[in-house]
Amino acid sequence: MDPDDVDVIATQAADTLRRTLGSDPADVAVVLGSGWGDAADLIGQAEAEVALADLPGFSAPSVAGHGGVVRRVRRGGRVALVFLGRTHLYEGRGVDAVAHTVRTAAAAGCSRVVLTNGCGGLNPAWQPGSVVLIADHLNLTGRSPLHGPEFVDLTDLYSSRLRAIALDVDPTLPQGVYAQLPGPHYETPAEIRMLGTLGADLVGMSTALEAIAARAAGLEVLGLSLVTNAAAGITDAALDHAEVLASGQQAAHRLGTLLGGIVERM
């Protein structure tokens, strides 16, 4: 994607969403990451959907567990755009393709975004199936979604106000620091020990770049991680993407109920 065209293409995608999903303004966007897809039906009443590949600037997801559609969902008095799938940096489409979802959400009129992911956990107390609020992140991709001298304050990137809303829905949610690495390979045990020294509690291959782009676009950001497995070396278990999807299936009811409650209270 040409850096000079990112805002134009996001606007075109937002216009297509309005034509295909209806003109009711959306309050919030929800991006469902690995393991979260089975929760989609529980967020609210689905009113319409369109394939991501039919929107300017988007491609069909290439990762198992990403549904490849955008839905307009109504929950109480709120309208949400629910993106079932995302583009990852390791897919080779560039950083702008990674950020395109949140830029489109902003162009469509959303003021808030909920970014979800499946991740490895460094804290042994957080068993697979645990949901953790992202309080901060470490962007270890070596990349930024911003172009030129676009200086964006990230002090409260993961909104303390929105985290308070999430805790109102589920007071048991812990909070932690998420580290994004480029992927697609999983980390080595030595890398996990390094991440723990740096202050990471969670590790994955998404979210941080999207969160930066969302803040730059004026969106308030909430991040939620589903711990799908212990990070490398925390246990003797091998890492497998099938485990990510299985953890999401087992936790689907809780995830959908949590997201629906958050959307309704926003």
Foldseek 3Di string as FASTA:
>chain_A
DPPVCLLVLLLQQLVVCCVFQHLDQAAEEEEAAFLALLQVVLQAAWDGKDFQCVGGLGDAAPDPQQDRMWTFGDFAPGTYIYGRDADFLVVPPDLSRRQSVLSSSLSNPYQAYEYEYEWAFADPVQAFLAKAWEQEEAEPAPDASDDDPLDFDCPRLAPPVLVVQLCVLPVVHHYAYEYAYQDPDADAPVVSVVVVVVGGGIYDGGDPNNSRSNVSSNHHYIYMYGHQYHGHPSDPDDDDSVSSNVSSVVNSNVSNSSNNSSRVVD
